[in-house]
Protein backbone atom coordinates (compact mmCIF):
# COMPACT_ATOMS: atom_id res chain seq x y z
CA UNK A 1 52.81 -46.63 4.03
CA UNK A 2 51.87 -47.53 7.52
CA UNK A 3 48.08 -47.89 7.76
CA UNK A 4 47.80 -45.54 10.79
CA UNK A 5 49.78 -42.85 8.96
CA UNK A 6 47.66 -43.19 5.89
CA UNK A 7 44.50 -42.77 8.00
CA UNK A 8 46.03 -39.71 9.70
CA UNK A 9 46.97 -38.28 6.25
CA UNK A 10 43.45 -38.83 4.98
CA UNK A 11 41.89 -37.24 8.10
CA UNK A 12 44.14 -34.21 7.88
CA UNK A 13 43.47 -33.83 4.18
CA UNK A 14 39.68 -34.02 4.70
CA UNK A 15 39.98 -31.53 7.51
CA UNK A 16 41.92 -29.03 5.31
CA UNK A 17 39.37 -29.46 2.48
CA UNK A 18 36.45 -28.95 4.85
CA UNK A 19 38.20 -25.83 6.27
CA UNK A 20 38.84 -24.47 2.73
CA UNK A 21 35.21 -24.97 1.81
CA UNK A 22 33.96 -23.29 4.96
CA UNK A 23 36.33 -20.32 4.39
CA UNK A 24 35.13 -20.10 0.79
CA UNK A 25 31.48 -20.15 1.90
CA UNK A 26 31.91 -17.45 4.55
CA UNK A 27 34.15 -15.23 2.27
CA UNK A 28 32.25 -15.60 -0.95
CA UNK A 29 28.73 -17.01 -0.66
CA UNK A 30 27.76 -15.54 2.77
CA UNK A 31 29.90 -12.46 2.65
CA UNK A 32 27.12 -10.16 1.51
CA UNK A 33 24.80 -11.40 4.23
CA UNK A 34 27.43 -10.91 6.95
CA UNK A 35 28.25 -7.40 5.75
CA UNK A 36 24.53 -6.43 5.70
CA UNK A 37 23.85 -7.96 9.09
CA UNK A 38 22.68 -5.18 11.48
CA UNK A 39 25.27 -4.60 14.27
CA UNK A 40 28.30 -5.89 12.21
CA UNK A 41 31.14 -3.61 13.31
CA UNK A 42 32.51 -3.42 9.80
CA UNK A 43 29.09 -2.58 8.50
CA UNK A 44 28.65 0.13 11.10
CA UNK A 45 31.96 1.78 10.22
CA UNK A 46 31.38 1.41 6.45
CA UNK A 47 27.94 3.01 6.58
CA UNK A 48 29.12 5.89 8.71
CA UNK A 49 31.43 6.91 5.91
CA UNK A 50 28.69 6.99 3.27
CA UNK A 51 27.11 10.28 2.25
CA UNK A 52 23.68 8.90 1.38
CA UNK A 53 21.52 10.61 -1.10
CA UNK A 54 18.45 12.58 -0.10
CA UNK A 55 14.80 11.51 -0.37
CA UNK A 56 12.70 14.40 -1.64
CA UNK A 57 8.99 15.13 -1.83
CA UNK A 58 7.31 16.29 -5.03
CA UNK A 59 6.92 19.83 -3.47
CA UNK A 60 10.67 20.09 -2.85
CA UNK A 61 10.84 19.12 0.89
CA UNK A 62 13.70 17.01 2.18
CA UNK A 63 12.33 13.86 3.70
CA UNK A 64 15.69 12.22 4.46
CA UNK A 65 19.30 13.45 4.28
CA UNK A 66 22.77 12.77 5.57
CA UNK A 67 24.44 15.19 7.97
CA UNK A 68 28.22 15.27 8.25
CA UNK A 69 30.23 15.61 11.43
CA UNK A 70 33.74 14.84 12.57
CA UNK A 71 34.74 12.21 15.10
CA UNK A 72 38.45 12.09 15.96
CA UNK A 73 39.26 13.97 12.85
CA UNK A 74 37.32 11.61 10.55
CA UNK A 75 34.33 12.83 8.48
CA UNK A 76 31.32 10.64 9.18
CA UNK A 77 27.58 10.94 8.41
CA UNK A 78 24.37 10.43 10.34
CA UNK A 79 20.87 10.14 8.83
CA UNK A 80 18.33 12.76 9.65
CA UNK A 81 14.61 13.08 8.79
CA UNK A 82 13.60 16.84 8.72
CA UNK A 83 9.91 16.06 8.45
CA UNK A 84 9.99 13.80 11.52
CA UNK A 85 6.97 11.41 11.46
CA UNK A 86 5.10 12.98 8.55
CA UNK A 87 6.02 10.26 6.09
CA UNK A 88 7.86 7.85 8.27
CA UNK A 89 6.30 4.63 6.86
CA UNK A 90 6.88 5.13 3.13
CA UNK A 91 10.27 6.87 3.56
CA UNK A 92 11.39 4.37 6.20
CA UNK A 93 14.67 4.54 8.16
CA UNK A 94 18.18 3.26 7.87
CA UNK A 95 19.99 2.14 11.04
CA UNK A 96 23.09 0.06 11.45
CA UNK A 97 21.48 -1.59 14.42
CA UNK A 98 17.92 -2.03 13.16
CA UNK A 99 18.38 -2.31 9.38
CA UNK A 100 16.49 -0.48 6.68
CA UNK A 101 12.80 -0.02 5.79
CA UNK A 102 10.70 1.79 3.23
CA UNK A 103 12.35 3.68 0.39
CA UNK A 104 15.57 3.67 2.35
CA UNK A 105 15.66 -0.08 1.77
CA UNK A 106 14.15 -0.38 -1.74
CA UNK A 107 16.46 2.22 -3.26
CA UNK A 108 19.43 1.62 -1.01
CA UNK A 109 21.81 0.78 -3.95
CA UNK A 110 21.23 4.26 -5.36
CA UNK A 111 21.06 6.16 -2.02
CA UNK A 112 24.34 4.54 -0.89
CA UNK A 113 26.13 5.27 -4.17
CA UNK A 114 26.49 1.55 -5.07
CA UNK A 115 25.45 1.92 -8.71
CA UNK A 116 26.95 2.78 -12.14
CA UNK A 117 30.62 3.85 -12.06
CA UNK A 118 30.40 5.13 -8.50
CA UNK A 119 31.95 2.06 -6.84
CA UNK A 120 34.91 2.06 -9.19
CA UNK A 121 35.61 5.79 -8.58
CA UNK A 122 35.36 5.13 -4.85
CA UNK A 123 37.85 2.27 -4.95
CA UNK A 124 40.30 4.41 -6.90
CA UNK A 125 39.88 7.04 -4.18
CA UNK A 126 38.72 9.49 -6.84
CA UNK A 127 35.44 10.17 -5.06
CA UNK A 128 33.97 9.95 -1.60
CA UNK A 129 31.11 7.46 -1.41
CA UNK A 130 28.07 9.60 -2.18
CA UNK A 131 24.58 8.44 -3.03
CA UNK A 132 21.98 9.65 -5.55
CA UNK A 133 18.84 11.49 -4.64
CA UNK A 134 15.49 9.77 -4.83
CA UNK A 135 12.59 12.04 -5.84
CA UNK A 136 9.15 10.93 -4.90
CA UNK A 137 5.51 11.66 -5.82
CA UNK A 138 4.79 12.29 -2.18
CA UNK A 139 3.47 15.79 -1.55
CA UNK A 140 3.95 17.05 2.00
CA UNK A 141 0.81 19.38 1.71
CA UNK A 142 -1.38 16.36 1.04
CA UNK A 143 0.48 14.15 3.44
CA UNK A 144 0.10 16.63 6.23
CA UNK A 145 -3.67 16.84 5.72
CA UNK A 146 -3.86 13.00 5.76
CA UNK A 147 -1.71 12.74 9.02
CA UNK A 148 -3.74 15.49 10.74
CA UNK A 149 -7.07 13.88 9.72
CA UNK A 150 -5.93 10.48 11.17
CA UNK A 151 -4.68 12.02 14.49
CA UNK A 152 -5.90 10.19 17.52
CA UNK A 153 -7.13 7.23 15.51
CA UNK A 154 -5.74 4.09 14.07
CA UNK A 155 -6.03 3.88 10.36
CA UNK A 156 -4.47 4.73 7.00
CA UNK A 157 -4.77 6.90 3.84
CA UNK A 158 -3.47 6.25 0.38
CA UNK A 159 -3.85 8.87 -2.42
CA UNK A 160 -2.83 8.03 -5.97
CA UNK A 161 -2.52 9.92 -9.23
CA UNK A 162 -4.86 7.73 -11.35
CA UNK A 163 -3.02 8.52 -14.60
CA UNK A 164 0.54 7.76 -13.44
CA UNK A 165 0.21 5.49 -10.39
CA UNK A 166 2.21 7.97 -8.40
CA UNK A 167 1.63 7.74 -4.59
CA UNK A 168 0.78 11.27 -3.65
CA UNK A 169 0.16 10.52 0.04
CA UNK A 170 0.62 7.39 2.17
CA UNK A 171 -0.15 7.87 5.83
CA UNK A 172 -0.45 5.33 8.67
CA UNK A 173 -1.55 6.09 12.15
CA UNK A 174 -0.19 5.92 14.73
CA UNK A 175 3.16 7.09 13.28
CA UNK A 176 6.66 7.47 14.73
CA UNK A 177 9.71 9.76 14.36
CA UNK A 178 12.49 7.95 12.36
CA UNK A 179 15.00 10.25 14.00
CA UNK A 180 14.41 8.31 17.25
CA UNK A 181 15.08 4.84 15.74
CA UNK A 182 18.79 4.80 16.41
CA UNK A 183 18.44 5.59 20.12
CA UNK A 184 14.92 4.67 21.16
CA UNK A 185 13.85 1.74 18.94
CA UNK A 186 12.74 -0.50 21.71
CA UNK A 187 10.49 2.26 23.11
CA UNK A 188 8.85 2.81 19.69
CA UNK A 189 8.26 -0.88 19.23
CA UNK A 190 6.62 -1.14 22.70
CA UNK A 191 4.10 1.66 22.10
CA UNK A 192 0.44 0.70 21.74
CA UNK A 193 -1.07 0.64 18.28
CA UNK A 194 1.96 -0.94 16.44
CA UNK A 195 3.37 2.39 15.15
CA UNK A 196 6.02 0.61 13.04
CA UNK A 197 3.32 -1.20 10.95
CA UNK A 198 2.62 0.57 7.64
CA UNK A 199 -1.15 0.13 7.68
CA UNK A 200 -1.44 1.70 4.26
CA UNK A 201 0.39 -1.14 2.45
CA UNK A 202 0.66 -3.86 5.11
CA UNK A 203 -2.58 -3.62 7.07
CA UNK A 204 -5.43 -5.95 5.95
CA UNK A 205 -9.11 -5.34 6.74
CA UNK A 206 -12.45 -6.66 5.60
CA UNK A 207 -13.33 -4.12 2.86
CA UNK A 208 -17.09 -4.25 3.58
CA UNK A 209 -19.23 -2.41 1.06
CA UNK A 210 -16.35 -0.77 -0.75
CA UNK A 211 -15.95 -4.18 -2.42
CA UNK A 212 -19.37 -3.69 -4.02
CA UNK A 213 -17.52 -1.52 -6.59
CA UNK A 214 -15.62 -4.72 -7.66
CA UNK A 215 -18.84 -6.66 -7.74
CA UNK A 216 -20.58 -3.95 -9.77
CA UNK A 217 -17.66 -4.11 -12.20
CA UNK A 218 -18.12 -7.92 -12.69
CA UNK A 219 -21.87 -7.37 -13.08
CA UNK A 220 -21.63 -4.64 -15.78
CA UNK A 221 -18.83 -6.54 -17.56
CA UNK A 222 -20.84 -9.73 -17.66
CA UNK A 223 -23.57 -8.13 -19.84
CA UNK A 224 -26.23 -9.53 -17.50
CA UNK A 225 -26.76 -6.14 -15.76
CA UNK A 226 -26.70 -2.41 -16.48
CA UNK A 227 -27.12 0.61 -14.16
CA UNK A 228 -30.90 0.57 -14.77
CA UNK A 229 -31.35 -3.16 -14.03
CA UNK A 230 -34.25 -3.53 -11.59
CA UNK A 231 -34.45 -5.51 -8.31
CA UNK A 232 -37.00 -6.01 -5.58
CA UNK A 233 -35.60 -6.02 -2.07
CA UNK A 234 -37.62 -7.80 0.66
CA UNK A 235 -34.96 -7.11 3.30
CA UNK A 236 -33.39 -10.56 3.17
CA UNK A 237 -31.54 -12.76 0.72
CA UNK A 238 -31.51 -16.41 1.60
CA UNK A 239 -28.30 -18.28 0.82
CA UNK A 240 -26.57 -21.47 1.81
CA UNK A 241 -24.59 -19.58 4.45
CA UNK A 242 -27.66 -18.16 6.14
CA UNK A 243 -29.80 -15.02 5.35
CA UNK A 244 -28.12 -11.80 4.33
CA UNK A 245 -29.82 -8.57 5.41
CA UNK A 246 -29.27 -4.85 4.90
CA UNK A 247 -27.56 -2.44 7.32
CA UNK A 248 -30.11 -1.55 9.97
CA UNK A 249 -32.32 -4.28 8.52
CA UNK A 250 -33.81 -1.76 6.08
CA UNK A 251 -36.12 -2.85 3.23
CA UNK A 252 -35.78 -0.96 -0.04
CA UNK A 253 -38.39 -2.56 -2.28
CA UNK A 254 -38.17 -1.76 -6.01
CA UNK A 255 -34.89 -0.16 -7.11
CA UNK A 256 -32.17 -0.08 -9.80
CA UNK A 257 -28.56 -1.25 -9.72
CA UNK A 258 -27.53 2.41 -9.54
CA UNK A 259 -29.67 2.89 -6.42
CA UNK A 260 -28.36 -0.31 -4.97
CA UNK A 261 -24.86 1.13 -4.97
CA UNK A 262 -26.03 4.55 -3.74
CA UNK A 263 -27.79 2.94 -0.80
CA UNK A 264 -25.33 0.04 -0.34
CA UNK A 265 -28.01 -2.61 -0.52
CA UNK A 266 -26.53 -5.91 0.66
CA UNK A 267 -29.29 -8.19 -0.50
CA UNK A 268 -29.03 -6.94 -4.12
CA UNK A 269 -25.26 -7.33 -4.30
CA UNK A 270 -25.53 -10.76 -2.63
CA UNK A 271 -28.03 -11.78 -5.27
CA UNK A 272 -25.74 -10.50 -8.07
CA UNK A 273 -22.78 -12.39 -6.53
CA UNK A 274 -24.72 -15.67 -6.36
CA UNK A 275 -25.80 -15.22 -10.01
CA UNK A 276 -22.29 -14.39 -11.32
CA UNK A 277 -20.60 -17.17 -9.26
CA UNK A 278 -17.13 -17.37 -7.84
CA UNK A 279 -15.38 -17.79 -11.21
CA UNK A 280 -16.68 -14.53 -12.73
CA UNK A 281 -16.29 -12.54 -9.53
CA UNK A 282 -12.83 -13.97 -8.98
CA UNK A 283 -11.76 -13.00 -12.50
CA UNK A 284 -12.63 -9.38 -11.75
CA UNK A 285 -10.78 -9.52 -8.50
CA UNK A 286 -7.73 -10.82 -10.30
CA UNK A 287 -7.98 -8.02 -12.88
CA UNK A 288 -7.93 -5.44 -10.10
CA UNK A 289 -4.87 -7.03 -8.47
CA UNK A 290 -6.36 -9.03 -5.71
CA UNK A 291 -4.37 -12.21 -5.00
CA UNK A 292 -1.02 -10.62 -6.09
CA UNK A 293 1.41 -8.35 -4.27
CA UNK A 294 0.87 -4.78 -5.46
CA UNK A 295 3.97 -3.82 -7.50
CA UNK A 296 4.85 -0.84 -5.33
CA UNK A 297 8.45 0.11 -4.51
CA UNK A 298 8.41 -0.91 -0.86
CA UNK A 299 10.18 -3.92 0.72
CA UNK A 300 8.51 -7.36 0.46
CA UNK A 301 7.57 -7.59 4.17
CA UNK A 302 5.85 -4.24 4.16
CA UNK A 303 3.29 -5.03 1.44
CA UNK A 304 0.45 -7.43 2.13
CA UNK A 305 -1.57 -9.32 -0.54
CA UNK A 306 -5.31 -8.67 -0.61
CA UNK A 307 -7.79 -11.57 -1.10
CA UNK A 308 -9.49 -14.29 0.70
CA UNK A 309 -7.70 -16.29 3.48
CA UNK A 310 -8.40 -19.49 5.32
CA UNK A 311 -6.19 -20.49 8.24
CA UNK A 312 -3.64 -17.87 7.08
CA UNK A 313 -3.45 -19.33 3.56
CA UNK A 314 -4.37 -17.18 0.58
CA UNK A 315 -7.18 -18.80 -1.51
CA UNK A 316 -7.66 -18.57 -5.21
CA UNK A 317 -9.88 -15.69 -6.23
CA UNK A 318 -12.08 -18.12 -8.19
CA UNK A 319 -12.08 -20.85 -5.53
CA UNK A 320 -14.92 -23.13 -6.56
CA UNK A 321 -17.73 -23.86 -4.09
CA UNK A 322 -17.32 -20.67 -2.20
CA UNK A 323 -20.12 -18.37 -1.02
CA UNK A 324 -20.04 -15.84 -3.85
CA UNK A 325 -23.00 -13.97 -2.33
CA UNK A 326 -21.01 -13.09 0.76
CA UNK A 327 -17.87 -12.36 -1.20
CA UNK A 328 -19.87 -9.93 -3.26
CA UNK A 329 -20.60 -7.73 -0.27
CA UNK A 330 -17.00 -7.80 1.06
CA UNK A 331 -17.30 -10.61 3.57
CA UNK A 332 -16.44 -14.36 3.54
CA UNK A 333 -12.84 -14.03 4.86
CA UNK A 334 -12.06 -11.33 2.39
CA UNK A 335 -9.36 -8.72 3.41
CA UNK A 336 -7.81 -5.85 1.59
CA UNK A 337 -5.12 -3.23 2.15
CA UNK A 338 -5.82 0.50 1.71
CA UNK A 339 -3.25 0.46 -1.17
CA UNK A 340 -5.27 -2.25 -2.97
CA UNK A 341 -8.56 -0.33 -2.53
CA UNK A 342 -6.91 2.87 -3.75
CA UNK A 343 -5.84 0.92 -6.83
CA UNK A 344 -9.49 -0.06 -7.40
CA UNK A 345 -10.66 3.57 -7.26
CA UNK A 346 -7.74 4.71 -9.43
CA UNK A 347 -8.50 2.10 -12.07
CA UNK A 348 -12.09 3.29 -12.43
CA UNK A 349 -10.78 6.86 -12.65
CA UNK A 350 -8.40 5.75 -15.28
CA UNK A 351 -11.07 4.26 -17.66
CA UNK A 352 -10.68 0.79 -16.24
CA UNK A 353 -6.85 0.47 -16.60
CA UNK A 354 -4.85 -0.63 -13.46
CA UNK A 355 -1.49 1.08 -13.05
CA UNK A 356 1.36 -0.06 -10.82
CA UNK A 357 1.60 2.30 -7.78
CA UNK A 358 5.03 3.82 -7.17
CA UNK A 359 6.56 6.22 -4.79
CA UNK A 360 9.74 7.07 -6.68
CA UNK A 361 9.44 9.45 -9.65
CA UNK A 362 13.12 9.73 -10.59
CA UNK A 363 16.60 9.27 -9.26
CA UNK A 364 19.26 11.92 -9.94
CA UNK A 365 23.03 11.91 -9.30
CA UNK A 366 24.73 14.76 -7.38
CA UNK A 367 25.10 16.70 -10.64
CA UNK A 368 21.31 16.63 -11.19
CA UNK A 369 21.34 14.17 -14.11
CA UNK A 370 18.69 11.50 -14.20
CA UNK A 371 19.95 8.10 -13.32
CA UNK A 372 16.59 6.47 -13.38
CA UNK A 373 13.00 7.58 -14.18
CA UNK A 374 9.73 5.76 -13.39
CA UNK A 375 7.16 5.75 -16.17
CA UNK A 376 3.52 4.73 -15.74
CA UNK A 377 3.18 0.94 -15.93
CA UNK A 378 -0.02 -0.81 -16.89
CA UNK A 379 -0.53 -4.04 -15.00
CA UNK A 380 -4.10 -4.92 -15.93
CA UNK A 381 -7.45 -4.02 -17.44
CA UNK A 382 -10.16 -4.34 -14.79
CA UNK A 383 -13.03 -2.85 -16.82
CA UNK A 384 -13.73 -1.39 -20.23
CA UNK A 385 -13.82 2.36 -20.55
CA UNK A 386 -17.64 2.19 -20.95
CA UNK A 387 -18.04 0.18 -17.68
CA UNK A 388 -15.68 2.63 -15.87
CA UNK A 389 -17.86 5.54 -16.96
CA UNK A 390 -21.02 3.79 -15.77
CA UNK A 391 -19.36 3.03 -12.44
CA UNK A 392 -18.23 6.65 -12.09
CA UNK A 393 -21.82 7.90 -12.49
CA UNK A 394 -23.13 5.25 -10.03
CA UNK A 395 -20.35 6.30 -7.52
CA UNK A 396 -21.29 9.94 -7.94
CA UNK A 397 -24.75 9.01 -6.66
CA UNK A 398 -23.17 7.64 -3.47
CA UNK A 399 -21.56 11.01 -2.67
CA UNK A 400 -24.38 13.23 -3.99
CA UNK A 401 -27.29 11.48 -2.28
CA UNK A 402 -26.25 8.23 -0.61
CA UNK A 403 -23.93 7.06 2.21
CA UNK A 404 -20.87 9.15 1.17
CA UNK A 405 -22.22 12.70 1.33
CA UNK A 406 -19.50 13.64 3.88
CA UNK A 407 -16.90 13.37 1.12
CA UNK A 408 -18.59 16.01 -1.04
CA UNK A 409 -16.53 18.98 -2.12
CA UNK A 410 -17.95 22.39 -2.87
CA UNK A 411 -18.10 23.11 -6.51
CA UNK A 412 -16.60 19.68 -7.44
CA UNK A 413 -18.06 16.34 -8.29
CA UNK A 414 -16.77 13.36 -6.32
CA UNK A 415 -17.23 9.63 -7.05
CA UNK A 416 -17.02 7.28 -4.08
CA UNK A 417 -18.10 4.33 -2.08
CA UNK A 418 -18.35 3.81 1.73
CA UNK A 419 -17.86 0.65 3.62
CA UNK A 420 -18.56 -0.47 7.23
CA UNK A 421 -17.15 -3.86 8.11
CA UNK A 422 -18.01 -5.39 11.46
CA UNK A 423 -15.04 -6.45 13.67
CA UNK A 424 -16.81 -9.14 15.73
CA UNK A 425 -17.04 -6.84 18.73
CA UNK A 426 -20.58 -5.40 19.02
CA UNK A 427 -20.68 -1.81 17.82
CA UNK A 428 -17.03 -1.75 16.66
CA UNK A 429 -16.36 -1.37 12.95
CA UNK A 430 -13.63 -0.96 10.32
CA UNK A 431 -14.77 2.18 8.47
CA UNK A 432 -13.86 2.65 4.76
CA UNK A 433 -14.21 5.14 1.92
CA UNK A 434 -12.71 4.89 -1.60
CA UNK A 435 -13.18 7.47 -4.36
CA UNK A 436 -11.82 10.04 -6.76
CA UNK A 437 -12.23 13.59 -7.83
CA UNK A 438 -13.22 15.46 -9.97
CA UNK A 439 -15.51 12.67 -11.22
CA UNK A 440 -15.59 13.98 -14.76
CA UNK A 441 -11.84 14.48 -15.07
CA UNK A 442 -10.12 12.62 -12.25
CA UNK A 443 -6.93 13.92 -10.69
CA UNK A 444 -6.70 12.10 -7.41
CA UNK A 445 -7.97 8.73 -6.12
CA UNK A 446 -8.02 7.85 -2.45
CA UNK A 447 -8.68 5.01 0.03
CA UNK A 448 -9.22 5.57 3.73
CA UNK A 449 -9.70 3.11 6.51
CA UNK A 450 -10.40 3.93 10.21
CA UNK A 451 -9.88 1.01 12.59
CA UNK A 452 -12.11 -0.10 15.43
CA UNK A 453 -14.57 2.72 15.43
CA UNK A 454 -18.18 2.97 16.64
CA UNK A 455 -18.99 5.06 13.48
CA UNK A 456 -19.49 4.13 9.85
CA UNK A 457 -17.57 4.66 6.68
CA UNK A 458 -19.78 7.56 5.80
CA UNK A 459 -19.37 9.03 9.21
CA UNK A 460 -15.57 8.97 9.82
CA UNK A 461 -13.74 7.79 6.66
CA UNK A 462 -15.60 9.91 4.11
CA UNK A 463 -14.67 13.29 5.76
CA UNK A 464 -11.01 12.24 5.84
CA UNK A 465 -11.16 11.36 2.14
CA UNK A 466 -12.79 14.67 1.32
CA UNK A 467 -10.07 16.62 3.06
CA UNK A 468 -7.28 14.72 1.40
CA UNK A 469 -8.85 15.04 -2.08
CA UNK A 470 -9.34 18.80 -1.55
CA UNK A 471 -5.68 19.21 -0.47
CA UNK A 472 -4.54 17.32 -3.54
CA UNK A 473 -6.76 19.42 -5.93
CA UNK A 474 -5.80 22.73 -4.23
CA UNK A 475 -2.07 22.15 -5.05
CA UNK A 476 -2.98 22.07 -8.69
CA UNK A 477 -4.71 25.33 -8.52
């Protein structure tokens, strides 16, 4: 064969092979990604024909549903959110232009009818593409109180059932109306305060003195301390990173560990942290879930990991050579999400057992039969039952006579802890409260954070927590 013809043959053959490989890649390997890409005309048309399942609250309210209409004789569906911005962040939105978030994304396979035998029945034209209903633990009565309490502020509330891990409320302020996403997404994104951010699961803040509950756990579990252990505060604890003082530079003198938590004495908890060291303190952090993504049923990008960070990099909880004294009082580059701190409160309320938080309670098909059901899932043991009981009594003191009296509920015992973390701007704080009620038989655990406030955790976060806990307990009455 002529050499030039042979070269031409080889070149053409190589070209056809390359073309076949490219076609195979785009039609097989990348097909799913192309179909799911927002704005794809085929995706838009396909999704308009799907009767997505509803997302429902625990008290029977419709949080998301599909509404049918006819366009040029064809039956198509559009997504509506009857509760508007009430639970916009956990419920999320679905939009062919902007994609999916929240539960709309996590449980899309079920909501869109792409599970079980449904796809086969649809291909055989035996059934219109209809999704299953997702039932949640969210209670609109509690959610409404949380949203109202956050109005005009930036912050978040998480309320958990401490015995199941069910998310009873998850509010983030400012919020947005998911009904506007399809037509007004650019405007929503441009609003001040980052309304699309789910601060409850994705916002990270220095936990301040709420972290002293974790330190107290490590102290009691070590066997070196008990609630009656005595300390002498001189108003300052000298450490390698410089002196640590109390809020308002107060001096408390002789006191017990219980009193140290009640009055949130920095110097005592710094001393305890230095004694325990980073390894012991880090082990307790890990047991509560710090350093790992909370296993909540929200998309990956909407859930942040709590822990210590340096230059954007997550550090080991037991990083050697670190300033354990400052970690012990919730400083030293330590950040936490409201969801993580709610898990801390819920674990103490649940005799030290950490449960996976979850929004979905069950999924049912259109006939009402269960397709999937969520059971409580243990993910760790942060403290013994004895330590949890001791912590509960110590946290009751915070609400009865300490910094958290604004969270008190008439006729009910409340266990809690306040936190006030400085922002770096003089007089501006991140205000916290975590706790649960009733203290002797917990039914609800909460975490509240209020951003960039001139007040304290006891001043602005504790009243929000009290209102949310009361709403949660009232629904049981």
